[in-house]
Amino acid sequence: MLEGRKPLAVFGDGYPSEWFDGFLAPFEPFVASGQLVRRIIDTPMPHVKKRRPDLDGMRDVFFALPEEEWRIDAYIENIRNRTRDWDDDLERLQGSLLGYEEWQMIGGSSSA
């Protein structure tokens, strides 16, 4: 991301999670310096807690370059809060928001 090749990164796991916190720790200095923007969305899941008392729910963590922060909102709106079944168009949209090249996405050109 810092090289400008990818504008957005998205991670998710159950919370609380020492493993997940440790996985995300290397991003902290870049968030603190303003080189990356971070958004955390916790989704409590009481039904999960009944089966897994160690988990409160799911945590989605988004990192974006400051000038690409709009991608976080677009990802949440179009991918996370989708109102239709997953399909090739949503797959392409997700890839586009994450900064994939056309050939890396479903339906992209075959020039790999």
PDB file of N, CA and C in Angstrom:
ATOM      1  N   MET A   1       0.821  -1.191   0.000  1.00  0.00           N
ATOM      2  CA  MET A   1       0.000   0.000   0.000  1.00  0.00           C
ATOM      3  C   MET A   1       0.865   1.255   0.000  1.00  0.00           C
ATOM      4  N   LEU A   2       1.894   1.265   0.798  1.00  0.00           N
ATOM      5  CA  LEU A   2       2.732   2.448   0.900  1.00  0.00           C
ATOM      6  C   LEU A   2       3.463   2.746  -0.405  1.00  0.00           C
ATOM      7  N   GLU A   3       3.638   1.728  -1.240  1.00  0.00           N
ATOM      8  CA  GLU A   3       4.257   1.921  -2.548  1.00  0.00           C
ATOM      9  C   GLU A   3       3.255   2.427  -3.583  1.00  0.00           C
ATOM     10  N   GLY A   4       1.982   2.521  -3.177  1.00  0.00           N
ATOM     11  CA  GLY A   4       0.953   3.016  -4.072  1.00  0.00           C
ATOM     12  C   GLY A   4       0.375   1.988  -5.012  1.00  0.00           C
ATOM     13  N   ARG A   5       0.714   0.717  -4.821  1.00  0.00           N
ATOM     14  CA  ARG A   5       0.198  -0.324  -5.723  1.00  0.00           C
ATOM     15  C   ARG A   5      -1.204  -0.784  -5.333  1.00  0.00           C
ATOM     16  N   LYS A   6      -1.533  -0.719  -4.068  1.00  0.00           N
ATOM     17  CA  LYS A   6      -2.858  -1.109  -3.591  1.00  0.00           C
ATOM     18  C   LYS A   6      -3.411   0.015  -2.722  1.00  0.00           C
ATOM     19  N   PRO A   7      -4.638   0.461  -2.993  1.00  0.00           N
ATOM     20  CA  PRO A   7      -5.194   1.585  -2.249  1.00  0.00           C
ATOM     21  C   PRO A   7      -5.989   1.205  -1.003  1.00  0.00           C
ATOM     22  N   LEU A   8      -6.338  -0.082  -0.869  1.00  0.00           N
ATOM     23  CA  LEU A   8      -7.228  -0.515   0.211  1.00  0.00           C
ATOM     24  C   LEU A   8      -6.876  -1.929   0.638  1.00  0.00           C
ATOM     25  N   ALA A   9      -6.926  -2.167   1.932  1.00  0.00           N
ATOM     26  CA  ALA A   9      -6.767  -3.522   2.476  1.00  0.00           C
ATOM     27  C   ALA A   9      -7.897  -3.754   3.472  1.00  0.00           C
ATOM     28  N   VAL A  10      -8.440  -4.963   3.463  1.00  0.00           N
ATOM     29  CA  VAL A  10      -9.569  -5.308   4.324  1.00  0.00           C
ATOM     30  C   VAL A  10      -9.258  -6.624   5.023  1.00  0.00           C
ATOM     31  N   PHE A  11      -9.458  -6.627   6.346  1.00  0.00           N
ATOM     32  CA  PHE A  11      -9.227  -7.825   7.146  1.00  0.00           C
ATOM     33  C   PHE A  11     -10.417  -8.038   8.067  1.00  0.00           C
ATOM     34  N   GLY A  12     -10.686  -9.277   8.408  1.00  0.00           N
ATOM     35  CA  GLY A  12     -11.775  -9.566   9.325  1.00  0.00           C
ATOM     36  C   GLY A  12     -11.498 -10.812  10.137  1.00  0.00           C
ATOM     37  N   ASP A  13     -11.998 -10.803  11.377  1.00  0.00           N
ATOM     38  CA  ASP A  13     -11.873 -11.959  12.260  1.00  0.00           C
ATOM     39  C   ASP A  13     -12.804 -11.740  13.445  1.00  0.00           C
ATOM     40  N   GLY A  14     -12.938 -12.766  14.243  1.00  0.00           N
ATOM     41  CA  GLY A  14     -13.705 -12.628  15.470  1.00  0.00           C
ATOM     42  C   GLY A  14     -12.953 -11.735  16.452  1.00  0.00           C
ATOM     43  N   TYR A  15     -13.693 -11.139  17.383  1.00  0.00           N
ATOM     44  CA  TYR A  15     -13.045 -10.327  18.417  1.00  0.00           C
ATOM     45  C   TYR A  15     -13.632 -10.680  19.771  1.00  0.00           C
ATOM     46  N   PRO A  16     -12.901 -10.495  20.825  1.00  0.00           N
ATOM     47  CA  PRO A  16     -11.494 -10.095  20.874  1.00  0.00           C
ATOM     48  C   PRO A  16     -10.595 -11.231  20.389  1.00  0.00           C
ATOM     49  N   SER A  17      -9.419 -10.833  19.898  1.00  0.00           N
ATOM     50  CA  SER A  17      -8.495 -11.823  19.358  1.00  0.00           C
ATOM     51  C   SER A  17      -7.070 -11.301  19.473  1.00  0.00           C
ATOM     52  N   GLU A  18      -6.288 -11.915  20.313  1.00  0.00           N
ATOM     53  CA  GLU A  18      -4.883 -11.526  20.430  1.00  0.00           C
ATOM     54  C   GLU A  18      -4.160 -11.764  19.104  1.00  0.00           C
ATOM     55  N   TRP A  19      -4.481 -12.867  18.452  1.00  0.00           N
ATOM     56  CA  TRP A  19      -3.843 -13.172  17.166  1.00  0.00           C
ATOM     57  C   TRP A  19      -4.110 -12.064  16.155  1.00  0.00           C
ATOM     58  N   PHE A  20      -5.362 -11.657  16.033  1.00  0.00           N
ATOM     59  CA  PHE A  20      -5.737 -10.631  15.063  1.00  0.00           C
ATOM     60  C   PHE A  20      -5.095  -9.292  15.420  1.00  0.00           C
ATOM     61  N   ASP A  21      -5.111  -8.939  16.690  1.00  0.00           N
ATOM     62  CA  ASP A  21      -4.467  -7.699  17.131  1.00  0.00           C
ATOM     63  C   ASP A  21      -2.985  -7.709  16.776  1.00  0.00           C
ATOM     64  N   GLY A  22      -2.320  -8.840  16.987  1.00  0.00           N
ATOM     65  CA  GLY A  22      -0.909  -8.958  16.649  1.00  0.00           C
ATOM     66  C   GLY A  22      -0.669  -8.872  15.152  1.00  0.00           C
ATOM     67  N   PHE A  23      -1.572  -9.468  14.380  1.00  0.00           N
ATOM     68  CA  PHE A  23      -1.472  -9.433  12.926  1.00  0.00           C
ATOM     69  C   PHE A  23      -1.553  -7.999  12.406  1.00  0.00           C
ATOM     70  N   LEU A  24      -2.408  -7.185  13.024  1.00  0.00           N
ATOM     71  CA  LEU A  24      -2.622  -5.815  12.569  1.00  0.00           C
ATOM     72  C   LEU A  24      -1.618  -4.819  13.144  1.00  0.00           C
ATOM     73  N   ALA A  25      -0.870  -5.214  14.158  1.00  0.00           N
ATOM     74  CA  ALA A  25       0.056  -4.302  14.841  1.00  0.00           C
ATOM     75  C   ALA A  25       1.056  -3.617  13.902  1.00  0.00           C
ATOM     76  N   PRO A  26       1.604  -4.284  12.895  1.00  0.00           N
ATOM     77  CA  PRO A  26       2.569  -3.594  12.012  1.00  0.00           C
ATOM     78  C   PRO A  26       1.985  -2.387  11.270  1.00  0.00           C
ATOM     79  N   PHE A  27       0.666  -2.290  11.170  1.00  0.00           N
ATOM     80  CA  PHE A  27       0.045  -1.147  10.508  1.00  0.00           C
ATOM     81  C   PHE A  27       0.028   0.100  11.399  1.00  0.00           C
ATOM     82  N   GLU A  28       0.115  -0.085  12.709  1.00  0.00           N
ATOM     83  CA  GLU A  28      -0.060   1.012  13.665  1.00  0.00           C
ATOM     84  C   GLU A  28       0.841   2.221  13.413  1.00  0.00           C
ATOM     85  N   PRO A  29       2.147   2.047  13.194  1.00  0.00           N
ATOM     86  CA  PRO A  29       2.988   3.230  12.975  1.00  0.00           C
ATOM     87  C   PRO A  29       2.551   4.055  11.755  1.00  0.00           C
ATOM     88  N   PHE A  30       2.036   3.390  10.735  1.00  0.00           N
ATOM     89  CA  PHE A  30       1.621   4.081   9.522  1.00  0.00           C
ATOM     90  C   PHE A  30       0.292   4.806   9.721  1.00  0.00           C
ATOM     91  N   VAL A  31      -0.562   4.254  10.567  1.00  0.00           N
ATOM     92  CA  VAL A  31      -1.804   4.941  10.930  1.00  0.00           C
ATOM     93  C   VAL A  31      -1.458   6.155  11.792  1.00  0.00           C
ATOM     94  N   ALA A  32      -0.588   5.965  12.774  1.00  0.00           N
ATOM     95  CA  ALA A  32      -0.195   7.058  13.671  1.00  0.00           C
ATOM     96  C   ALA A  32       0.454   8.211  12.913  1.00  0.00           C
ATOM     97  N   SER A  33       1.217   7.905  11.866  1.00  0.00           N
ATOM     98  CA  SER A  33       1.903   8.952  11.104  1.00  0.00           C
ATOM     99  C   SER A  33       1.011   9.590  10.037  1.00  0.00           C
ATOM    100  N   GLY A  34      -0.193   9.025   9.831  1.00  0.00           N
ATOM    101  CA  GLY A  34      -1.097   9.564   8.825  1.00  0.00           C
ATOM    102  C   GLY A  34      -0.873   9.022   7.424  1.00  0.00           C
ATOM    103  N   GLN A  35       0.044   8.070   7.279  1.00  0.00           N
ATOM    104  CA  GLN A  35       0.288   7.483   5.962  1.00  0.00           C
ATOM    105  C   GLN A  35      -0.848   6.547   5.540  1.00  0.00           C
ATOM    106  N   LEU A  36      -1.549   5.992   6.522  1.00  0.00           N
ATOM    107  CA  LEU A  36      -2.712   5.143   6.272  1.00  0.00           C
ATOM    108  C   LEU A  36      -3.864   5.597   7.157  1.00  0.00           C
ATOM    109  N   VAL A  37      -5.059   5.405   6.649  1.00  0.00           N
ATOM    110  CA  VAL A  37      -6.284   5.642   7.405  1.00  0.00           C
ATOM    111  C   VAL A  37      -6.832   4.283   7.798  1.00  0.00           C
ATOM    112  N   ARG A  38      -7.324   4.166   9.031  1.00  0.00           N
ATOM    113  CA  ARG A  38      -7.882   2.886   9.491  1.00  0.00           C
ATOM    114  C   ARG A  38      -9.309   3.114   9.984  1.00  0.00           C
ATOM    115  N   ARG A  39     -10.161   2.153   9.676  1.00  0.00           N
ATOM    116  CA  ARG A  39     -11.509   2.137  10.243  1.00  0.00           C
ATOM    117  C   ARG A  39     -11.784   0.734  10.756  1.00  0.00           C
ATOM    118  N   ILE A  40     -12.320   0.666  11.961  1.00  0.00           N
ATOM    119  CA  ILE A  40     -12.663  -0.616  12.592  1.00  0.00           C
ATOM    120  C   ILE A  40     -14.165  -0.647  12.788  1.00  0.00           C
ATOM    121  N   ILE A  41     -14.779  -1.728  12.354  1.00  0.00           N
ATOM    122  CA  ILE A  41     -16.214  -1.918  12.559  1.00  0.00           C
ATOM    123  C   ILE A  41     -16.413  -3.238  13.286  1.00  0.00           C
ATOM    124  N   ASP A  42     -16.938  -3.125  14.491  1.00  0.00           N
ATOM    125  CA  ASP A  42     -17.275  -4.315  15.282  1.00  0.00           C
ATOM    126  C   ASP A  42     -18.753  -4.619  15.121  1.00  0.00           C
ATOM    127  N   THR A  43     -19.052  -5.872  14.848  1.00  0.00           N
ATOM    128  CA  THR A  43     -20.433  -6.318  14.722  1.00  0.00           C
ATOM    129  C   THR A  43     -20.695  -7.338  15.809  1.00  0.00           C
ATOM    130  N   PRO A  44     -21.369  -6.912  16.896  1.00  0.00           N
ATOM    131  CA  PRO A  44     -21.685  -7.869  17.955  1.00  0.00           C
ATOM    132  C   PRO A  44     -22.570  -8.993  17.419  1.00  0.00           C
ATOM    133  N   MET A  45     -22.297 -10.200  17.886  1.00  0.00           N
ATOM    134  CA  MET A  45     -23.061 -11.370  17.433  1.00  0.00           C
ATOM    135  C   MET A  45     -23.401 -12.234  18.640  1.00  0.00           C
ATOM    136  N   PRO A  46     -24.491 -11.893  19.327  1.00  0.00           N
ATOM    137  CA  PRO A  46     -24.863 -12.663  20.523  1.00  0.00           C
ATOM    138  C   PRO A  46     -25.038 -14.151  20.255  1.00  0.00           C
ATOM    139  N   HIS A  47     -25.519 -14.515  19.064  1.00  0.00           N
ATOM    140  CA  HIS A  47     -25.711 -15.933  18.747  1.00  0.00           C
ATOM    141  C   HIS A  47     -24.373 -16.669  18.668  1.00  0.00           C
ATOM    142  N   VAL A  48     -23.328 -15.976  18.252  1.00  0.00           N
ATOM    143  CA  VAL A  48     -21.991 -16.583  18.218  1.00  0.00           C
ATOM    144  C   VAL A  48     -21.464 -16.733  19.642  1.00  0.00           C
ATOM    145  N   LYS A  49     -21.694 -15.723  20.457  1.00  0.00           N
ATOM    146  CA  LYS A  49     -21.207 -15.743  21.843  1.00  0.00           C
ATOM    147  C   LYS A  49     -21.784 -16.934  22.618  1.00  0.00           C
ATOM    148  N   LYS A  50     -22.988 -17.354  22.280  1.00  0.00           N
ATOM    149  CA  LYS A  50     -23.589 -18.512  22.947  1.00  0.00           C
ATOM    150  C   LYS A  50     -22.764 -19.775  22.697  1.00  0.00           C
ATOM    151  N   ARG A  51     -22.247 -19.903  21.471  1.00  0.00           N
ATOM    152  CA  ARG A  51     -21.434 -21.073  21.124  1.00  0.00           C
ATOM    153  C   ARG A  51     -19.958 -20.869  21.438  1.00  0.00           C
ATOM    154  N   ARG A  52     -19.506 -19.626  21.349  1.00  0.00           N
ATOM    155  CA  ARG A  52     -18.095 -19.280  21.568  1.00  0.00           C
ATOM    156  C   ARG A  52     -18.026 -18.147  22.584  1.00  0.00           C
ATOM    157  N   PRO A  53     -18.076 -18.452  23.872  1.00  0.00           N
ATOM    158  CA  PRO A  53     -18.072 -17.395  24.888  1.00  0.00           C
ATOM    159  C   PRO A  53     -16.856 -16.477  24.828  1.00  0.00           C
ATOM    160  N   ASP A  54     -15.789 -16.923  24.172  1.00  0.00           N
ATOM    161  CA  ASP A  54     -14.582 -16.099  24.054  1.00  0.00           C
ATOM    162  C   ASP A  54     -14.698 -15.028  22.967  1.00  0.00           C
ATOM    163  N   LEU A  55     -15.742 -15.081  22.135  1.00  0.00           N
ATOM    164  CA  LEU A  55     -15.923 -14.109  21.056  1.00  0.00           C
ATOM    165  C   LEU A  55     -17.162 -13.254  21.287  1.00  0.00           C
ATOM    166  N   ASP A  56     -17.005 -11.956  21.047  1.00  0.00           N
ATOM    167  CA  ASP A  56     -18.142 -11.041  21.144  1.00  0.00           C
ATOM    168  C   ASP A  56     -18.817 -10.838  19.792  1.00  0.00           C
ATOM    169  N   GLY A  57     -18.076 -11.061  18.701  1.00  0.00           N
ATOM    170  CA  GLY A  57     -18.637 -10.861  17.376  1.00  0.00           C
ATOM    171  C   GLY A  57     -17.542 -10.831  16.333  1.00  0.00           C
ATOM    172  N   MET A  58     -17.822 -10.140  15.245  1.00  0.00           N
ATOM    173  CA  MET A  58     -16.873 -10.031  14.134  1.00  0.00           C
ATOM    174  C   MET A  58     -16.328  -8.610  14.063  1.00  0.00           C
ATOM    175  N   ARG A  59     -15.054  -8.510  13.708  1.00  0.00           N
ATOM    176  CA  ARG A  59     -14.387  -7.210  13.541  1.00  0.00           C
ATOM    177  C   ARG A  59     -13.868  -7.122  12.109  1.00  0.00           C
ATOM    178  N   ASP A  60     -14.254  -6.048  11.432  1.00  0.00           N
ATOM    179  CA  ASP A  60     -13.722  -5.731  10.119  1.00  0.00           C
ATOM    180  C   ASP A  60     -12.806  -4.530  10.278  1.00  0.00           C
ATOM    181  N   VAL A  61     -11.610  -4.623   9.709  1.00  0.00           N
ATOM    182  CA  VAL A  61     -10.633  -3.551   9.789  1.00  0.00           C
ATOM    183  C   VAL A  61     -10.241  -3.166   8.364  1.00  0.00           C
ATOM    184  N   PHE A  62     -10.357  -1.877   8.080  1.00  0.00           N
ATOM    185  CA  PHE A  62     -10.079  -1.330   6.757  1.00  0.00           C
ATOM    186  C   PHE A  62      -8.887  -0.390   6.861  1.00  0.00           C
ATOM    187  N   PHE A  63      -7.961  -0.507   5.936  1.00  0.00           N
ATOM    188  CA  PHE A  63      -6.839   0.420   5.820  1.00  0.00           C
ATOM    189  C   PHE A  63      -6.865   0.983   4.407  1.00  0.00           C
ATOM    190  N   ALA A  64      -6.676   2.300   4.309  1.00  0.00           N
ATOM    191  CA  ALA A  64      -6.635   2.932   2.989  1.00  0.00           C
ATOM    192  C   ALA A  64      -5.589   4.031   2.998  1.00  0.00           C
ATOM    193  N   LEU A  65      -5.101   4.340   1.817  1.00  0.00           N
ATOM    194  CA  LEU A  65      -4.286   5.522   1.658  1.00  0.00           C
ATOM    195  C   LEU A  65      -5.201   6.726   1.909  1.00  0.00           C
ATOM    196  N   PRO A  66      -4.699   7.797   2.504  1.00  0.00           N
ATOM    197  CA  PRO A  66      -5.580   8.924   2.848  1.00  0.00           C
ATOM    198  C   PRO A  66      -6.415   9.443   1.682  1.00  0.00           C
ATOM    199  N   GLU A  67      -5.827   9.544   0.502  1.00  0.00           N
ATOM    200  CA  GLU A  67      -6.572  10.052  -0.652  1.00  0.00           C
ATOM    201  C   GLU A  67      -7.529   9.008  -1.228  1.00  0.00           C
ATOM    202  N   GLU A  68      -7.479   7.803  -0.717  1.00  0.00           N
ATOM    203  CA  GLU A  68      -8.338   6.715  -1.187  1.00  0.00           C
ATOM    204  C   GLU A  68      -9.341   6.275  -0.120  1.00  0.00           C
ATOM    205  N   GLU A  69      -9.532   7.081   0.896  1.00  0.00           N
ATOM    206  CA  GLU A  69     -10.430   6.718   2.005  1.00  0.00           C
ATOM    207  C   GLU A  69     -11.859   6.458   1.531  1.00  0.00           C
ATOM    208  N   TRP A  70     -12.268   7.076   0.457  1.00  0.00           N
ATOM    209  CA  TRP A  70     -13.605   6.871  -0.091  1.00  0.00           C
ATOM    210  C   TRP A  70     -13.864   5.394  -0.395  1.00  0.00           C
ATOM    211  N   ARG A  71     -12.795   4.643  -0.662  1.00  0.00           N
ATOM    212  CA  ARG A  71     -12.940   3.222  -0.970  1.00  0.00           C
ATOM    213  C   ARG A  71     -13.500   2.440   0.219  1.00  0.00           C
ATOM    214  N   ILE A  72     -13.194   2.868   1.420  1.00  0.00           N
ATOM    215  CA  ILE A  72     -13.724   2.192   2.608  1.00  0.00           C
ATOM    216  C   ILE A  72     -15.249   2.290   2.608  1.00  0.00           C
ATOM    217  N   ASP A  73     -15.764   3.505   2.421  1.00  0.00           N
ATOM    218  CA  ASP A  73     -17.219   3.694   2.395  1.00  0.00           C
ATOM    219  C   ASP A  73     -17.861   2.913   1.256  1.00  0.00           C
ATOM    220  N   ALA A  74     -17.220   2.937   0.089  1.00  0.00           N
ATOM    221  CA  ALA A  74     -17.769   2.205  -1.056  1.00  0.00           C
ATOM    222  C   ALA A  74     -17.775   0.706  -0.791  1.00  0.00           C
ATOM    223  N   TYR A  75     -16.708   0.199  -0.175  1.00  0.00           N
ATOM    224  CA  TYR A  75     -16.624  -1.230   0.135  1.00  0.00           C
ATOM    225  C   TYR A  75     -17.742  -1.615   1.101  1.00  0.00           C
ATOM    226  N   ILE A  76     -17.894  -0.832   2.148  1.00  0.00           N
ATOM    227  CA  ILE A  76     -18.931  -1.127   3.142  1.00  0.00           C
ATOM    228  C   ILE A  76     -20.307  -1.084   2.502  1.00  0.00           C
ATOM    229  N   GLU A  77     -20.565  -0.050   1.733  1.00  0.00           N
ATOM    230  CA  GLU A  77     -21.877   0.119   1.118  1.00  0.00           C
ATOM    231  C   GLU A  77     -22.181  -0.971   0.104  1.00  0.00           C
ATOM    232  N   ASN A  78     -21.238  -1.283  -0.757  1.00  0.00           N
ATOM    233  CA  ASN A  78     -21.508  -2.171  -1.881  1.00  0.00           C
ATOM    234  C   ASN A  78     -21.188  -3.637  -1.631  1.00  0.00           C
ATOM    235  N   ILE A  79     -20.281  -3.915  -0.734  1.00  0.00           N
ATOM    236  CA  ILE A  79     -19.863  -5.296  -0.515  1.00  0.00           C
ATOM    237  C   ILE A  79     -20.415  -5.812   0.806  1.00  0.00           C
ATOM    238  N   ARG A  80     -20.071  -5.149   1.868  1.00  0.00           N
ATOM    239  CA  ARG A  80     -20.460  -5.635   3.196  1.00  0.00           C
ATOM    240  C   ARG A  80     -21.966  -5.533   3.410  1.00  0.00           C
ATOM    241  N   ASN A  81     -22.578  -4.454   2.958  1.00  0.00           N
ATOM    242  CA  ASN A  81     -24.010  -4.240   3.155  1.00  0.00           C
ATOM    243  C   ASN A  81     -24.819  -4.547   1.897  1.00  0.00           C
ATOM    244  N   ARG A  82     -24.342  -5.499   1.124  1.00  0.00           N
ATOM    245  CA  ARG A  82     -25.017  -5.795  -0.145  1.00  0.00           C
ATOM    246  C   ARG A  82     -26.437  -6.294   0.098  1.00  0.00           C
ATOM    247  N   THR A  83     -27.280  -6.028  -0.875  1.00  0.00           N
ATOM    248  CA  THR A  83     -28.683  -6.417  -0.768  1.00  0.00           C
ATOM    249  C   THR A  83     -29.045  -7.502  -1.779  1.00  0.00           C
ATOM    250  N   ARG A  84     -28.023  -8.064  -2.416  1.00  0.00           N
ATOM    251  CA  ARG A  84     -28.276  -9.141  -3.391  1.00  0.00           C
ATOM    252  C   ARG A  84     -27.239 -10.231  -3.193  1.00  0.00           C
ATOM    253  N   ASP A  85     -27.489 -11.364  -3.822  1.00  0.00           N
ATOM    254  CA  ASP A  85     -26.547 -12.469  -3.752  1.00  0.00           C
ATOM    255  C   ASP A  85     -25.236 -12.077  -4.431  1.00  0.00           C
ATOM    256  N   TRP A  86     -24.163 -12.690  -3.956  1.00  0.00           N
ATOM    257  CA  TRP A  86     -22.841 -12.446  -4.533  1.00  0.00           C
ATOM    258  C   TRP A  86     -22.838 -12.877  -5.980  1.00  0.00           C
ATOM    259  N   ASP A  87     -22.250 -12.069  -6.847  1.00  0.00           N
ATOM    260  CA  ASP A  87     -22.187 -12.414  -8.259  1.00  0.00           C
ATOM    261  C   ASP A  87     -20.894 -11.846  -8.858  1.00  0.00           C
ATOM    262  N   ASP A  88     -20.705 -12.067 -10.157  1.00  0.00           N
ATOM    263  CA  ASP A  88     -19.487 -11.619 -10.822  1.00  0.00           C
ATOM    264  C   ASP A  88     -19.327 -10.101 -10.773  1.00  0.00           C
ATOM    265  N   ASP A  89     -20.434  -9.366 -10.865  1.00  0.00           N
ATOM    266  CA  ASP A  89     -20.349  -7.903 -10.812  1.00  0.00           C
ATOM    267  C   ASP A  89     -19.834  -7.436  -9.450  1.00  0.00           C
ATOM    268  N   LEU A  90     -20.323  -8.039  -8.381  1.00  0.00           N
ATOM    269  CA  LEU A  90     -19.823  -7.681  -7.050  1.00  0.00           C
ATOM    270  C   LEU A  90     -18.366  -8.113  -6.880  1.00  0.00           C
ATOM    271  N   GLU A  91     -18.022  -9.236  -7.453  1.00  0.00           N
ATOM    272  CA  GLU A  91     -16.632  -9.700  -7.402  1.00  0.00           C
ATOM    273  C   GLU A  91     -15.706  -8.694  -8.091  1.00  0.00           C
ATOM    274  N   ARG A  92     -16.127  -8.202  -9.252  1.00  0.00           N
ATOM    275  CA  ARG A  92     -15.338  -7.194  -9.973  1.00  0.00           C
ATOM    276  C   ARG A  92     -15.264  -5.890  -9.190  1.00  0.00           C
ATOM    277  N   LEU A  93     -16.375  -5.485  -8.596  1.00  0.00           N
ATOM    278  CA  LEU A  93     -16.393  -4.260  -7.795  1.00  0.00           C
ATOM    279  C   LEU A  93     -15.448  -4.381  -6.611  1.00  0.00           C
ATOM    280  N   GLN A  94     -15.497  -5.499  -5.918  1.00  0.00           N
ATOM    281  CA  GLN A  94     -14.592  -5.728  -4.796  1.00  0.00           C
ATOM    282  C   GLN A  94     -13.135  -5.651  -5.252  1.00  0.00           C
ATOM    283  N   GLY A  95     -12.824  -6.323  -6.347  1.00  0.00           N
ATOM    284  CA  GLY A  95     -11.464  -6.292  -6.876  1.00  0.00           C
ATOM    285  C   GLY A  95     -11.033  -4.893  -7.256  1.00  0.00           C
ATOM    286  N   SER A  96     -11.923  -4.140  -7.863  1.00  0.00           N
ATOM    287  CA  SER A  96     -11.624  -2.771  -8.261  1.00  0.00           C
ATOM    288  C   SER A  96     -11.339  -1.897  -7.035  1.00  0.00           C
ATOM    289  N   LEU A  97     -12.167  -2.015  -6.003  1.00  0.00           N
ATOM    290  CA  LEU A  97     -11.959  -1.228  -4.784  1.00  0.00           C
ATOM    291  C   LEU A  97     -10.647  -1.589  -4.092  1.00  0.00           C
ATOM    292  N   LEU A  98     -10.271  -2.861  -4.167  1.00  0.00           N
ATOM    293  CA  LEU A  98      -9.019  -3.304  -3.550  1.00  0.00           C
ATOM    294  C   LEU A  98      -7.799  -2.971  -4.409  1.00  0.00           C
ATOM    295  N   GLY A  99      -8.031  -2.505  -5.629  1.00  0.00           N
ATOM    296  CA  GLY A  99      -6.932  -2.089  -6.490  1.00  0.00           C
ATOM    297  C   GLY A  99      -6.374  -3.173  -7.387  1.00  0.00           C
ATOM    298  N   TYR A 100      -7.154  -4.233  -7.605  1.00  0.00           N
ATOM    299  CA  TYR A 100      -6.692  -5.278  -8.504  1.00  0.00           C
ATOM    300  C   TYR A 100      -6.665  -4.765  -9.939  1.00  0.00           C
ATOM    301  N   GLU A 101      -5.791  -5.326 -10.732  1.00  0.00           N
ATOM    302  CA  GLU A 101      -5.732  -5.034 -12.160  1.00  0.00           C
ATOM    303  C   GLU A 101      -6.890  -5.769 -12.836  1.00  0.00           C
ATOM    304  N   GLU A 102      -7.300  -5.284 -13.977  1.00  0.00           N
ATOM    305  CA  GLU A 102      -8.431  -5.881 -14.705  1.00  0.00           C
ATOM    306  C   GLU A 102      -8.220  -7.379 -14.936  1.00  0.00           C
ATOM    307  N   TRP A 103      -7.024  -7.792 -15.298  1.00  0.00           N
ATOM    308  CA  TRP A 103      -6.778  -9.202 -15.595  1.00  0.00           C
ATOM    309  C   TRP A 103      -6.858 -10.082 -14.349  1.00  0.00           C
ATOM    310  N   GLN A 104      -6.794  -9.485 -13.172  1.00  0.00           N
ATOM    311  CA  GLN A 104      -6.867 -10.246 -11.926  1.00  0.00           C
ATOM    312  C   GLN A 104      -8.302 -10.499 -11.472  1.00  0.00           C
ATOM    313  N   MET A 105      -9.246  -9.892 -12.136  1.00  0.00           N
ATOM    314  CA  MET A 105     -10.645  -9.989 -11.727  1.00  0.00           C
ATOM    315  C   MET A 105     -11.422 -10.920 -12.631  1.00  0.00           C
ATOM    316  N   ILE A 106     -12.521 -11.443 -12.110  1.00  0.00           N
ATOM    317  CA  ILE A 106     -13.432 -12.269 -12.919  1.00  0.00           C
ATOM    318  C   ILE A 106     -13.860 -11.476 -14.131  1.00  0.00           C
ATOM    319  N   GLY A 107     -13.801 -12.104 -15.262  1.00  0.00           N
ATOM    320  CA  GLY A 107     -14.229 -11.460 -16.497  1.00  0.00           C
ATOM    321  C   GLY A 107     -13.185 -10.507 -17.065  1.00  0.00           C
ATOM    322  N   GLY A 108     -12.015 -10.436 -16.399  1.00  0.00           N
ATOM    323  CA  GLY A 108     -10.952  -9.561 -16.902  1.00  0.00           C
ATOM    324  C   GLY A 108     -10.338 -10.153 -18.161  1.00  0.00           C
ATOM    325  N   SER A 109      -9.523  -9.381 -18.802  1.00  0.00           N
ATOM    326  CA  SER A 109      -8.877  -9.887 -20.013  1.00  0.00           C
ATOM    327  C   SER A 109      -7.950 -11.028 -19.648  1.00  0.00           C
ATOM    328  N   SER A 110      -7.638 -11.871 -20.577  1.00  0.00           N
ATOM    329  CA  SER A 110      -6.849 -13.059 -20.308  1.00  0.00           C
ATOM    330  C   SER A 110      -5.357 -12.827 -20.473  1.00  0.00           C
ATOM    331  N   SER A 111      -4.923 -11.584 -20.534  1.00  0.00           N
ATOM    332  CA  SER A 111      -3.491 -11.294 -20.700  1.00  0.00           C
ATOM    333  C   SER A 111      -2.795 -11.295 -19.356  1.00  0.00           C
ATOM    334  N   ALA A 112      -2.525 -12.472 -18.823  1.00  0.00           N
ATOM    335  CA  ALA A 112      -1.899 -12.590 -17.502  1.00  0.00           C
ATOM    336  C   ALA A 112      -0.395 -12.499 -17.583  1.00  0.00           C
TER     337      ALA A 112
END
